Amino acid sequence: MKFPKAILFTQCLQNDFVALLEKYDPLPNALHVGYQEAKRLLGEMIEYGPVHSLIEWAYSVDEDDLWIVHIRDWHDAGDPLQKEHLRQFGNHCIKNTKGAEFVFEPWIADRKRVHRIVNASGLNDFVDTDLADLLEPLSKRKIKVGITGVWTEAKIQFLAYDIRTRYPEWEIAVCSALSASSSIGMHFIALDQMREILGVRTFPS
C-alpha cells in the first residue's frame, strides 16, 4: 500500500449546510450558514468560486500523493438515537435526500479518481464511523492535512482537535476562505483558537 503525503478533508459541504440562497430566503434548517457565508464560500458563480477551484485542484492530484476524504452529515429520521439531534436542529442531511448531497456532487459524479466518504451523524466524526479504521494505516507517519467546510467553530474545530490528539505527527491546516460558519465573528474566533491551542496553521486564502 502506498501512503499519501497529504489528506484533504471536506466537512459537511452539503446542500443543507451551504447551498446558495437568495438574500431574503428563509434558512432551510438551523445549521445552514446563511446567505452571506454561503456566497463567500461558494462564490456568486459557483464554477468560479473557492470550493469549485479546490475540488478541481484536488481531483487533478494523483491519489498516491493526496487522499480526498469527504465527511458528510448523514441522518436517519427513523433512528431513535438521532431523534434529539434532529429535534434540536431541525431535519437536515437526511440520507439520500437532495439536502444531504454534496454541493460539488455534479463535479465529481463522473470522475474516475478515488475518494473516500465518511458518514457521520454526530459532532465527533470518529464516533460510530469508519474514520479511525480508514486513517489507521497512516498513524505515526508525517502527513499534511487540510480541512475545509463548515462549521468552523464546531465540526472543523472538533475534527482538528481529534486529529491533533490521535495523530500528533500530522501537520494540520485550515484556510479561512474555504471554511465558514453562520457568523463571520465566530469563524475568525475559531480560527484563532485552533491556531493558538491546537497548533493548526491557518491561511487567509
N, C-alpha and C. Protein backbone atom coordinates (compact mmCIF):
# COMPACT_ATOMS: atom_id res chain seq x y z
N MET A 1 0.84 -1.20 0.00
CA MET A 1 0.00 0.00 0.00
C MET A 1 0.87 1.25 0.00
N LYS A 2 0.60 2.16 -0.93
CA LYS A 2 1.36 3.41 -1.00
C LYS A 2 0.67 4.45 -0.12
N PHE A 3 1.45 5.12 0.70
CA PHE A 3 0.87 6.08 1.63
C PHE A 3 0.97 7.49 1.06
N PRO A 4 -0.10 8.28 1.21
CA PRO A 4 -0.10 9.63 0.64
C PRO A 4 0.77 10.58 1.46
N LYS A 5 1.11 11.69 0.84
CA LYS A 5 1.83 12.74 1.56
C LYS A 5 0.86 13.67 2.30
N ALA A 6 -0.40 13.67 1.85
CA ALA A 6 -1.36 14.62 2.41
C ALA A 6 -2.78 14.07 2.31
N ILE A 7 -3.65 14.65 3.13
CA ILE A 7 -5.08 14.31 3.12
C ILE A 7 -5.87 15.61 3.06
N LEU A 8 -6.86 15.66 2.19
CA LEU A 8 -7.82 16.76 2.18
C LEU A 8 -9.13 16.24 2.76
N PHE A 9 -9.58 16.87 3.86
CA PHE A 9 -10.89 16.56 4.42
C PHE A 9 -11.86 17.66 4.02
N THR A 10 -12.98 17.29 3.41
CA THR A 10 -14.07 18.25 3.27
C THR A 10 -15.10 17.91 4.33
N GLN A 11 -15.63 18.93 4.96
CA GLN A 11 -16.50 18.74 6.12
C GLN A 11 -17.88 19.37 5.86
N CYS A 12 -18.88 18.51 5.69
CA CYS A 12 -20.29 18.95 5.61
C CYS A 12 -20.53 19.96 4.48
N LEU A 13 -19.84 19.80 3.37
CA LEU A 13 -20.11 20.68 2.22
C LEU A 13 -21.32 20.12 1.47
N GLN A 14 -22.47 20.25 2.11
CA GLN A 14 -23.72 19.68 1.63
C GLN A 14 -24.78 20.76 1.48
N ASN A 15 -25.78 20.48 0.67
CA ASN A 15 -26.80 21.49 0.37
C ASN A 15 -27.48 22.04 1.62
N ASP A 16 -27.78 21.19 2.58
CA ASP A 16 -28.48 21.67 3.77
C ASP A 16 -27.63 22.59 4.64
N PHE A 17 -26.33 22.59 4.40
CA PHE A 17 -25.43 23.47 5.16
C PHE A 17 -25.03 24.72 4.38
N VAL A 18 -24.78 24.57 3.08
CA VAL A 18 -24.13 25.68 2.37
C VAL A 18 -24.72 25.99 1.00
N ALA A 19 -25.82 25.38 0.61
CA ALA A 19 -26.39 25.71 -0.71
C ALA A 19 -26.65 27.21 -0.81
N LEU A 20 -26.40 27.76 -1.99
CA LEU A 20 -26.64 29.19 -2.19
C LEU A 20 -28.12 29.51 -2.03
N LEU A 21 -28.39 30.64 -1.38
CA LEU A 21 -29.76 31.11 -1.16
C LEU A 21 -29.93 32.48 -1.78
N GLU A 22 -31.17 32.85 -2.03
CA GLU A 22 -31.46 34.24 -2.34
C GLU A 22 -31.35 35.04 -1.04
N LYS A 23 -31.10 36.33 -1.16
CA LYS A 23 -30.76 37.14 0.01
C LYS A 23 -31.80 37.05 1.14
N TYR A 24 -33.07 37.00 0.80
CA TYR A 24 -34.11 37.02 1.84
C TYR A 24 -34.82 35.67 1.99
N ASP A 25 -34.23 34.64 1.44
CA ASP A 25 -34.80 33.30 1.62
C ASP A 25 -34.70 32.87 3.08
N PRO A 26 -35.70 32.16 3.59
CA PRO A 26 -35.56 31.59 4.94
C PRO A 26 -34.52 30.48 4.94
N LEU A 27 -33.87 30.28 6.07
CA LEU A 27 -32.90 29.19 6.17
C LEU A 27 -33.64 27.86 6.12
N PRO A 28 -33.10 26.87 5.41
CA PRO A 28 -33.77 25.57 5.32
C PRO A 28 -33.76 24.79 6.63
N ASN A 29 -32.83 25.13 7.51
CA ASN A 29 -32.72 24.47 8.82
C ASN A 29 -31.81 25.32 9.70
N ALA A 30 -31.66 24.93 10.95
CA ALA A 30 -30.88 25.74 11.91
C ALA A 30 -29.38 25.66 11.67
N LEU A 31 -28.92 24.79 10.80
CA LEU A 31 -27.49 24.61 10.61
C LEU A 31 -26.95 25.20 9.31
N HIS A 32 -27.83 25.70 8.46
CA HIS A 32 -27.35 26.35 7.23
C HIS A 32 -26.59 27.62 7.62
N VAL A 33 -25.47 27.88 6.94
CA VAL A 33 -24.62 29.01 7.33
C VAL A 33 -25.19 30.36 6.91
N GLY A 34 -26.21 30.36 6.09
CA GLY A 34 -26.84 31.62 5.71
C GLY A 34 -26.35 32.16 4.38
N TYR A 35 -27.08 33.15 3.89
CA TYR A 35 -26.84 33.72 2.57
C TYR A 35 -25.41 34.22 2.39
N GLN A 36 -24.95 35.06 3.33
CA GLN A 36 -23.66 35.73 3.16
C GLN A 36 -22.49 34.75 3.20
N GLU A 37 -22.50 33.85 4.16
CA GLU A 37 -21.38 32.92 4.30
C GLU A 37 -21.38 31.87 3.18
N ALA A 38 -22.56 31.45 2.75
CA ALA A 38 -22.63 30.51 1.63
C ALA A 38 -22.06 31.15 0.36
N LYS A 39 -22.39 32.41 0.16
CA LYS A 39 -21.88 33.12 -1.02
C LYS A 39 -20.37 33.31 -0.92
N ARG A 40 -19.88 33.61 0.27
CA ARG A 40 -18.43 33.76 0.44
C ARG A 40 -17.70 32.46 0.15
N LEU A 41 -18.28 31.35 0.59
CA LEU A 41 -17.64 30.05 0.44
C LEU A 41 -17.72 29.51 -0.99
N LEU A 42 -18.89 29.65 -1.60
CA LEU A 42 -19.10 29.06 -2.92
C LEU A 42 -18.88 30.04 -4.06
N GLY A 43 -19.00 31.33 -3.76
CA GLY A 43 -18.90 32.33 -4.80
C GLY A 43 -20.25 32.60 -5.44
N GLU A 44 -20.42 33.80 -5.99
CA GLU A 44 -21.70 34.13 -6.65
C GLU A 44 -21.92 33.25 -7.86
N MET A 45 -20.84 32.93 -8.55
CA MET A 45 -20.89 31.97 -9.65
C MET A 45 -20.07 30.76 -9.20
N ILE A 46 -20.76 29.68 -8.87
CA ILE A 46 -20.11 28.55 -8.22
C ILE A 46 -18.92 28.02 -9.00
N GLU A 47 -19.05 28.01 -10.33
CA GLU A 47 -17.97 27.43 -11.14
C GLU A 47 -16.68 28.23 -11.09
N TYR A 48 -16.74 29.45 -10.52
CA TYR A 48 -15.52 30.25 -10.35
C TYR A 48 -15.19 30.48 -8.88
N GLY A 49 -15.91 29.82 -7.99
CA GLY A 49 -15.76 30.06 -6.57
C GLY A 49 -14.67 29.24 -5.91
N PRO A 50 -14.39 29.53 -4.65
CA PRO A 50 -13.30 28.85 -3.93
C PRO A 50 -13.45 27.34 -3.83
N VAL A 51 -14.65 26.85 -3.51
CA VAL A 51 -14.83 25.40 -3.36
C VAL A 51 -14.63 24.69 -4.69
N HIS A 52 -15.18 25.25 -5.75
CA HIS A 52 -15.01 24.63 -7.07
C HIS A 52 -13.54 24.56 -7.44
N SER A 53 -12.81 25.64 -7.19
CA SER A 53 -11.37 25.65 -7.51
C SER A 53 -10.63 24.59 -6.70
N LEU A 54 -10.99 24.45 -5.43
CA LEU A 54 -10.35 23.44 -4.58
C LEU A 54 -10.62 22.04 -5.09
N ILE A 55 -11.87 21.74 -5.40
CA ILE A 55 -12.23 20.40 -5.87
C ILE A 55 -11.54 20.09 -7.20
N GLU A 56 -11.53 21.06 -8.10
CA GLU A 56 -10.84 20.86 -9.39
C GLU A 56 -9.37 20.54 -9.17
N TRP A 57 -8.74 21.29 -8.27
CA TRP A 57 -7.32 21.03 -7.99
C TRP A 57 -7.13 19.66 -7.36
N ALA A 58 -7.92 19.35 -6.33
CA ALA A 58 -7.73 18.10 -5.59
C ALA A 58 -7.88 16.88 -6.48
N TYR A 59 -8.86 16.92 -7.36
CA TYR A 59 -9.09 15.76 -8.23
C TYR A 59 -8.07 15.65 -9.36
N SER A 60 -7.26 16.68 -9.51
CA SER A 60 -6.18 16.61 -10.51
C SER A 60 -4.89 16.05 -9.93
N VAL A 61 -4.84 15.93 -8.58
CA VAL A 61 -3.64 15.43 -7.91
C VAL A 61 -3.71 13.91 -7.84
N ASP A 62 -2.59 13.27 -8.06
CA ASP A 62 -2.52 11.80 -8.01
C ASP A 62 -2.95 11.30 -6.63
N GLU A 63 -3.76 10.26 -6.62
CA GLU A 63 -4.26 9.73 -5.34
C GLU A 63 -3.16 9.12 -4.48
N ASP A 64 -2.02 8.80 -5.07
CA ASP A 64 -0.88 8.34 -4.27
C ASP A 64 -0.24 9.48 -3.49
N ASP A 65 -0.51 10.70 -3.91
CA ASP A 65 0.03 11.88 -3.21
C ASP A 65 -0.99 12.51 -2.27
N LEU A 66 -2.27 12.42 -2.64
CA LEU A 66 -3.31 13.09 -1.86
C LEU A 66 -4.54 12.20 -1.73
N TRP A 67 -4.92 11.93 -0.50
CA TRP A 67 -6.22 11.28 -0.25
C TRP A 67 -7.27 12.37 -0.13
N ILE A 68 -8.43 12.13 -0.70
CA ILE A 68 -9.58 13.02 -0.54
C ILE A 68 -10.61 12.29 0.31
N VAL A 69 -10.95 12.88 1.46
CA VAL A 69 -11.93 12.28 2.36
C VAL A 69 -13.08 13.26 2.56
N HIS A 70 -14.24 12.91 2.06
CA HIS A 70 -15.43 13.74 2.22
C HIS A 70 -16.21 13.25 3.43
N ILE A 71 -16.30 14.08 4.46
CA ILE A 71 -17.12 13.74 5.63
C ILE A 71 -18.48 14.41 5.45
N ARG A 72 -19.52 13.60 5.50
CA ARG A 72 -20.85 14.17 5.32
C ARG A 72 -21.75 13.86 6.51
N ASP A 73 -22.58 14.84 6.84
CA ASP A 73 -23.62 14.65 7.84
C ASP A 73 -24.65 13.73 7.20
N TRP A 74 -25.05 12.68 7.93
CA TRP A 74 -25.86 11.63 7.29
C TRP A 74 -26.83 11.09 8.33
N HIS A 75 -28.08 11.50 8.22
CA HIS A 75 -29.05 11.18 9.26
C HIS A 75 -30.14 10.24 8.78
N ASP A 76 -30.60 9.44 9.72
CA ASP A 76 -31.72 8.55 9.52
C ASP A 76 -32.86 9.05 10.40
N ALA A 77 -33.90 9.59 9.77
CA ALA A 77 -35.00 10.18 10.54
C ALA A 77 -35.74 9.14 11.38
N GLY A 78 -35.56 7.87 11.05
CA GLY A 78 -36.23 6.82 11.80
C GLY A 78 -35.41 6.24 12.93
N ASP A 79 -34.19 6.75 13.12
CA ASP A 79 -33.31 6.23 14.17
C ASP A 79 -33.61 6.94 15.49
N PRO A 80 -34.05 6.22 16.52
CA PRO A 80 -34.36 6.86 17.81
C PRO A 80 -33.17 7.59 18.42
N LEU A 81 -31.95 7.10 18.14
CA LEU A 81 -30.75 7.72 18.72
C LEU A 81 -30.46 9.10 18.11
N GLN A 82 -31.02 9.37 16.94
CA GLN A 82 -30.79 10.65 16.28
C GLN A 82 -31.96 11.62 16.47
N LYS A 83 -32.98 11.17 17.15
CA LYS A 83 -34.21 11.96 17.27
C LYS A 83 -33.96 13.29 17.97
N GLU A 84 -33.20 13.29 19.07
CA GLU A 84 -32.97 14.52 19.82
C GLU A 84 -32.15 15.52 19.01
N HIS A 85 -31.13 15.03 18.31
CA HIS A 85 -30.31 15.90 17.47
C HIS A 85 -31.17 16.57 16.39
N LEU A 86 -32.02 15.80 15.75
CA LEU A 86 -32.87 16.36 14.70
C LEU A 86 -33.95 17.28 15.27
N ARG A 87 -34.38 17.00 16.49
CA ARG A 87 -35.35 17.90 17.14
C ARG A 87 -34.69 19.24 17.44
N GLN A 88 -33.43 19.20 17.89
CA GLN A 88 -32.73 20.42 18.26
C GLN A 88 -32.44 21.30 17.06
N PHE A 89 -32.00 20.70 15.96
CA PHE A 89 -31.55 21.49 14.81
C PHE A 89 -32.51 21.46 13.62
N GLY A 90 -33.56 20.67 13.73
CA GLY A 90 -34.46 20.51 12.59
C GLY A 90 -33.93 19.46 11.64
N ASN A 91 -34.81 18.92 10.82
CA ASN A 91 -34.37 17.90 9.87
C ASN A 91 -33.34 18.48 8.91
N HIS A 92 -32.25 17.79 8.76
CA HIS A 92 -31.19 18.22 7.85
C HIS A 92 -30.37 17.00 7.45
N CYS A 93 -29.86 17.01 6.25
CA CYS A 93 -28.98 15.96 5.75
C CYS A 93 -29.56 14.56 6.01
N ILE A 94 -30.85 14.42 5.74
CA ILE A 94 -31.47 13.10 5.82
C ILE A 94 -30.94 12.27 4.66
N LYS A 95 -30.47 11.07 4.96
CA LYS A 95 -29.78 10.26 3.95
C LYS A 95 -30.60 10.12 2.67
N ASN A 96 -29.87 10.20 1.56
CA ASN A 96 -30.44 10.02 0.22
C ASN A 96 -31.44 11.11 -0.17
N THR A 97 -31.33 12.29 0.44
CA THR A 97 -32.15 13.42 0.03
C THR A 97 -31.27 14.47 -0.65
N LYS A 98 -31.91 15.40 -1.34
CA LYS A 98 -31.17 16.47 -2.02
C LYS A 98 -30.36 17.29 -1.02
N GLY A 99 -30.92 17.52 0.16
CA GLY A 99 -30.21 18.30 1.16
C GLY A 99 -28.93 17.65 1.64
N ALA A 100 -28.86 16.33 1.57
CA ALA A 100 -27.66 15.62 2.03
C ALA A 100 -26.59 15.52 0.95
N GLU A 101 -26.93 15.91 -0.28
CA GLU A 101 -25.94 15.82 -1.36
C GLU A 101 -24.83 16.86 -1.17
N PHE A 102 -23.63 16.50 -1.63
CA PHE A 102 -22.54 17.46 -1.65
C PHE A 102 -22.87 18.59 -2.62
N VAL A 103 -22.45 19.80 -2.28
CA VAL A 103 -22.68 20.91 -3.22
C VAL A 103 -21.85 20.72 -4.48
N PHE A 104 -20.81 19.91 -4.38
CA PHE A 104 -19.96 19.66 -5.55
C PHE A 104 -20.29 18.33 -6.22
N GLU A 105 -21.41 17.73 -5.88
CA GLU A 105 -21.79 16.42 -6.41
C GLU A 105 -21.71 16.35 -7.94
N PRO A 106 -22.23 17.35 -8.67
CA PRO A 106 -22.18 17.25 -10.14
C PRO A 106 -20.75 17.26 -10.68
N TRP A 107 -19.83 17.86 -9.95
CA TRP A 107 -18.46 17.98 -10.45
C TRP A 107 -17.67 16.69 -10.30
N ILE A 108 -18.08 15.83 -9.38
CA ILE A 108 -17.29 14.62 -9.12
C ILE A 108 -18.00 13.35 -9.57
N ALA A 109 -19.24 13.48 -10.06
CA ALA A 109 -20.05 12.30 -10.37
C ALA A 109 -19.38 11.37 -11.37
N ASP A 110 -18.72 11.93 -12.36
CA ASP A 110 -18.13 11.10 -13.41
C ASP A 110 -16.62 10.96 -13.29
N ARG A 111 -16.07 11.39 -12.18
CA ARG A 111 -14.62 11.30 -12.00
C ARG A 111 -14.20 9.86 -11.72
N LYS A 112 -13.11 9.47 -12.31
CA LYS A 112 -12.57 8.13 -12.05
C LYS A 112 -11.69 8.12 -10.80
N ARG A 113 -11.25 9.29 -10.39
CA ARG A 113 -10.31 9.39 -9.28
C ARG A 113 -10.95 8.92 -7.97
N VAL A 114 -10.19 8.18 -7.19
CA VAL A 114 -10.70 7.61 -5.94
C VAL A 114 -10.86 8.70 -4.88
N HIS A 115 -11.99 8.67 -4.18
CA HIS A 115 -12.16 9.46 -2.97
C HIS A 115 -12.86 8.59 -1.94
N ARG A 116 -12.84 9.04 -0.71
CA ARG A 116 -13.44 8.27 0.37
C ARG A 116 -14.53 9.11 1.03
N ILE A 117 -15.63 8.45 1.40
CA ILE A 117 -16.75 9.14 2.03
C ILE A 117 -16.98 8.55 3.42
N VAL A 118 -17.09 9.43 4.40
CA VAL A 118 -17.38 9.01 5.78
C VAL A 118 -18.73 9.60 6.17
N ASN A 119 -19.65 8.74 6.57
CA ASN A 119 -20.97 9.18 7.01
C ASN A 119 -20.97 9.37 8.53
N ALA A 120 -21.24 10.59 8.97
CA ALA A 120 -21.22 10.90 10.40
C ALA A 120 -22.57 11.48 10.81
N SER A 121 -23.08 11.04 11.95
CA SER A 121 -24.39 11.52 12.40
C SER A 121 -24.30 12.36 13.67
N GLY A 122 -23.09 12.58 14.16
CA GLY A 122 -22.92 13.35 15.40
C GLY A 122 -21.83 14.40 15.27
N LEU A 123 -21.46 14.99 16.38
CA LEU A 123 -20.45 16.05 16.38
C LEU A 123 -19.04 15.51 16.26
N ASN A 124 -18.82 14.26 16.67
CA ASN A 124 -17.50 13.65 16.62
C ASN A 124 -17.44 12.68 15.45
N ASP A 125 -16.59 12.98 14.49
CA ASP A 125 -16.53 12.18 13.27
C ASP A 125 -15.87 10.82 13.46
N PHE A 126 -15.32 10.58 14.64
CA PHE A 126 -14.70 9.29 14.92
C PHE A 126 -15.65 8.34 15.65
N VAL A 127 -16.81 8.83 16.05
CA VAL A 127 -17.78 8.01 16.79
C VAL A 127 -18.79 7.41 15.82
N ASP A 128 -18.93 6.09 15.87
CA ASP A 128 -19.88 5.37 15.02
C ASP A 128 -19.63 5.60 13.53
N THR A 129 -18.34 5.75 13.18
CA THR A 129 -17.95 5.85 11.77
C THR A 129 -16.74 4.96 11.54
N ASP A 130 -16.32 4.88 10.28
CA ASP A 130 -15.13 4.08 9.96
C ASP A 130 -13.90 4.97 9.76
N LEU A 131 -13.96 6.21 10.25
CA LEU A 131 -12.85 7.14 10.01
C LEU A 131 -11.56 6.67 10.65
N ALA A 132 -11.62 6.19 11.89
CA ALA A 132 -10.41 5.73 12.57
C ALA A 132 -9.77 4.56 11.82
N ASP A 133 -10.59 3.64 11.34
CA ASP A 133 -10.07 2.50 10.58
C ASP A 133 -9.44 2.96 9.27
N LEU A 134 -10.07 3.93 8.64
CA LEU A 134 -9.55 4.46 7.38
C LEU A 134 -8.17 5.07 7.56
N LEU A 135 -7.98 5.79 8.67
CA LEU A 135 -6.73 6.53 8.88
C LEU A 135 -5.66 5.72 9.60
N GLU A 136 -6.02 4.57 10.15
CA GLU A 136 -5.08 3.78 10.93
C GLU A 136 -3.77 3.48 10.20
N PRO A 137 -3.80 3.12 8.90
CA PRO A 137 -2.53 2.84 8.21
C PRO A 137 -1.58 4.03 8.15
N LEU A 138 -2.12 5.23 8.35
CA LEU A 138 -1.29 6.45 8.27
C LEU A 138 -0.81 6.92 9.62
N SER A 139 -1.22 6.23 10.68
CA SER A 139 -0.82 6.61 12.03
C SER A 139 0.69 6.58 12.16
N LYS A 140 1.24 7.56 12.88
CA LYS A 140 2.67 7.68 13.17
C LYS A 140 3.50 8.05 11.93
N ARG A 141 2.84 8.44 10.86
CA ARG A 141 3.55 8.93 9.68
C ARG A 141 3.43 10.45 9.60
N LYS A 142 4.34 11.07 8.90
CA LYS A 142 4.29 12.51 8.70
C LYS A 142 3.31 12.80 7.55
N ILE A 143 2.19 13.38 7.89
CA ILE A 143 1.15 13.65 6.91
C ILE A 143 0.72 15.11 7.03
N LYS A 144 0.50 15.75 5.89
CA LYS A 144 -0.07 17.09 5.89
C LYS A 144 -1.58 16.97 5.68
N VAL A 145 -2.33 17.73 6.48
CA VAL A 145 -3.79 17.62 6.47
C VAL A 145 -4.40 18.99 6.23
N GLY A 146 -5.33 19.07 5.30
CA GLY A 146 -6.11 20.27 5.09
C GLY A 146 -7.57 19.99 5.39
N ILE A 147 -8.22 20.90 6.11
CA ILE A 147 -9.63 20.74 6.44
C ILE A 147 -10.40 21.93 5.87
N THR A 148 -11.48 21.64 5.17
CA THR A 148 -12.32 22.68 4.59
C THR A 148 -13.78 22.36 4.85
N GLY A 149 -14.63 23.38 4.88
CA GLY A 149 -16.05 23.12 5.05
C GLY A 149 -16.68 23.95 6.14
N VAL A 150 -17.65 23.38 6.85
CA VAL A 150 -18.41 24.07 7.89
C VAL A 150 -18.67 23.13 9.07
N TRP A 151 -19.03 23.64 10.19
CA TRP A 151 -18.90 24.97 10.75
C TRP A 151 -17.51 25.09 11.34
N THR A 152 -16.90 26.26 11.21
CA THR A 152 -15.53 26.44 11.68
C THR A 152 -15.38 26.18 13.17
N GLU A 153 -16.32 26.71 13.97
CA GLU A 153 -16.19 26.59 15.43
C GLU A 153 -16.74 25.28 15.97
N ALA A 154 -17.30 24.45 15.11
CA ALA A 154 -17.85 23.17 15.57
C ALA A 154 -17.16 22.02 14.83
N LYS A 155 -17.73 21.57 13.75
CA LYS A 155 -17.23 20.36 13.11
C LYS A 155 -15.77 20.46 12.67
N ILE A 156 -15.36 21.61 12.17
CA ILE A 156 -13.97 21.75 11.74
C ILE A 156 -13.04 21.76 12.95
N GLN A 157 -13.38 22.55 13.95
CA GLN A 157 -12.53 22.61 15.15
C GLN A 157 -12.51 21.27 15.88
N PHE A 158 -13.64 20.59 15.96
CA PHE A 158 -13.68 19.29 16.64
C PHE A 158 -12.82 18.26 15.89
N LEU A 159 -12.89 18.29 14.55
CA LEU A 159 -12.08 17.36 13.76
C LEU A 159 -10.60 17.67 13.94
N ALA A 160 -10.25 18.95 13.94
CA ALA A 160 -8.85 19.34 14.15
C ALA A 160 -8.35 18.86 15.51
N TYR A 161 -9.19 19.01 16.54
CA TYR A 161 -8.82 18.55 17.88
C TYR A 161 -8.59 17.04 17.89
N ASP A 162 -9.51 16.30 17.30
CA ASP A 162 -9.37 14.84 17.29
C ASP A 162 -8.12 14.40 16.54
N ILE A 163 -7.86 15.02 15.41
CA ILE A 163 -6.67 14.66 14.64
C ILE A 163 -5.41 15.01 15.42
N ARG A 164 -5.39 16.18 16.04
CA ARG A 164 -4.21 16.58 16.81
C ARG A 164 -3.93 15.60 17.95
N THR A 165 -4.97 15.13 18.65
CA THR A 165 -4.75 14.23 19.79
C THR A 165 -4.47 12.80 19.36
N ARG A 166 -5.04 12.37 18.25
CA ARG A 166 -4.85 10.99 17.79
C ARG A 166 -3.59 10.82 16.95
N TYR A 167 -3.26 11.86 16.18
CA TYR A 167 -2.14 11.77 15.24
C TYR A 167 -1.23 12.99 15.42
N PRO A 168 -0.49 13.06 16.53
CA PRO A 168 0.27 14.27 16.84
C PRO A 168 1.36 14.59 15.81
N GLU A 169 1.74 13.62 14.99
CA GLU A 169 2.78 13.87 13.99
C GLU A 169 2.25 14.65 12.79
N TRP A 170 0.96 14.71 12.64
CA TRP A 170 0.39 15.31 11.45
C TRP A 170 0.39 16.84 11.53
N GLU A 171 0.57 17.46 10.40
CA GLU A 171 0.53 18.92 10.29
C GLU A 171 -0.83 19.32 9.73
N ILE A 172 -1.58 20.12 10.50
CA ILE A 172 -2.96 20.45 10.14
C ILE A 172 -3.05 21.90 9.68
N ALA A 173 -3.81 22.12 8.62
CA ALA A 173 -4.01 23.48 8.11
C ALA A 173 -5.49 23.69 7.79
N VAL A 174 -5.94 24.92 8.02
CA VAL A 174 -7.30 25.33 7.68
C VAL A 174 -7.21 26.66 6.94
N CYS A 175 -7.92 26.76 5.84
CA CYS A 175 -7.94 28.00 5.06
C CYS A 175 -9.22 28.77 5.35
N SER A 176 -9.10 30.03 5.72
CA SER A 176 -10.26 30.84 6.05
C SER A 176 -11.24 30.94 4.89
N ALA A 177 -10.72 31.08 3.68
CA ALA A 177 -11.59 31.24 2.51
C ALA A 177 -12.34 29.97 2.16
N LEU A 178 -11.90 28.84 2.71
CA LEU A 178 -12.51 27.55 2.37
C LEU A 178 -13.24 26.94 3.56
N SER A 179 -13.55 27.76 4.54
CA SER A 179 -14.33 27.31 5.69
C SER A 179 -15.29 28.43 6.07
N ALA A 180 -16.36 28.06 6.76
CA ALA A 180 -17.38 29.06 7.06
C ALA A 180 -18.20 28.66 8.27
N SER A 181 -18.89 29.67 8.81
CA SER A 181 -19.82 29.46 9.91
C SER A 181 -21.00 30.41 9.69
N SER A 182 -22.00 30.33 10.55
CA SER A 182 -23.14 31.23 10.39
C SER A 182 -22.78 32.66 10.79
N SER A 183 -21.68 32.81 11.54
CA SER A 183 -21.23 34.12 11.99
C SER A 183 -19.77 34.30 11.60
N ILE A 184 -19.47 35.35 10.88
CA ILE A 184 -18.09 35.60 10.49
C ILE A 184 -17.22 35.85 11.71
N GLY A 185 -17.82 36.42 12.77
CA GLY A 185 -17.07 36.64 14.01
C GLY A 185 -16.64 35.34 14.65
N MET A 186 -17.58 34.39 14.79
CA MET A 186 -17.26 33.09 15.36
C MET A 186 -16.28 32.33 14.49
N HIS A 187 -16.38 32.53 13.19
CA HIS A 187 -15.45 31.90 12.24
C HIS A 187 -14.01 32.30 12.57
N PHE A 188 -13.78 33.60 12.74
CA PHE A 188 -12.41 34.05 13.00
C PHE A 188 -11.95 33.73 14.41
N ILE A 189 -12.87 33.74 15.38
CA ILE A 189 -12.50 33.33 16.74
C ILE A 189 -12.05 31.87 16.74
N ALA A 190 -12.78 31.02 16.02
CA ALA A 190 -12.43 29.60 15.96
C ALA A 190 -11.08 29.39 15.28
N LEU A 191 -10.82 30.15 14.23
CA LEU A 191 -9.51 30.05 13.56
C LEU A 191 -8.39 30.42 14.53
N ASP A 192 -8.60 31.49 15.30
CA ASP A 192 -7.60 31.91 16.28
C ASP A 192 -7.38 30.83 17.34
N GLN A 193 -8.47 30.24 17.83
CA GLN A 193 -8.36 29.20 18.84
C GLN A 193 -7.62 27.98 18.31
N MET A 194 -7.92 27.58 17.10
CA MET A 194 -7.22 26.42 16.52
C MET A 194 -5.73 26.69 16.36
N ARG A 195 -5.42 27.91 15.97
CA ARG A 195 -4.01 28.27 15.80
C ARG A 195 -3.28 28.30 17.14
N GLU A 196 -3.89 28.92 18.15
CA GLU A 196 -3.22 29.12 19.43
C GLU A 196 -3.23 27.88 20.32
N ILE A 197 -4.30 27.10 20.28
CA ILE A 197 -4.43 25.96 21.19
C ILE A 197 -3.99 24.65 20.55
N LEU A 198 -4.36 24.46 19.28
CA LEU A 198 -4.10 23.18 18.62
C LEU A 198 -2.88 23.21 17.70
N GLY A 199 -2.32 24.40 17.49
CA GLY A 199 -1.17 24.48 16.60
C GLY A 199 -1.52 24.30 15.14
N VAL A 200 -2.78 24.59 14.79
CA VAL A 200 -3.22 24.49 13.40
C VAL A 200 -2.70 25.69 12.62
N ARG A 201 -2.19 25.45 11.44
CA ARG A 201 -1.77 26.55 10.57
C ARG A 201 -3.01 27.09 9.87
N THR A 202 -3.21 28.39 9.92
CA THR A 202 -4.37 28.99 9.28
C THR A 202 -3.91 29.93 8.17
N PHE A 203 -4.63 29.90 7.07
CA PHE A 203 -4.29 30.70 5.91
C PHE A 203 -5.51 31.51 5.48
N PRO A 204 -5.31 32.76 5.04
CA PRO A 204 -6.46 33.56 4.61
C PRO A 204 -7.04 33.10 3.28
N SER A 205 -6.17 32.55 2.41
CA SER A 205 -6.66 32.11 1.09
C SER A 205 -5.70 31.08 0.52
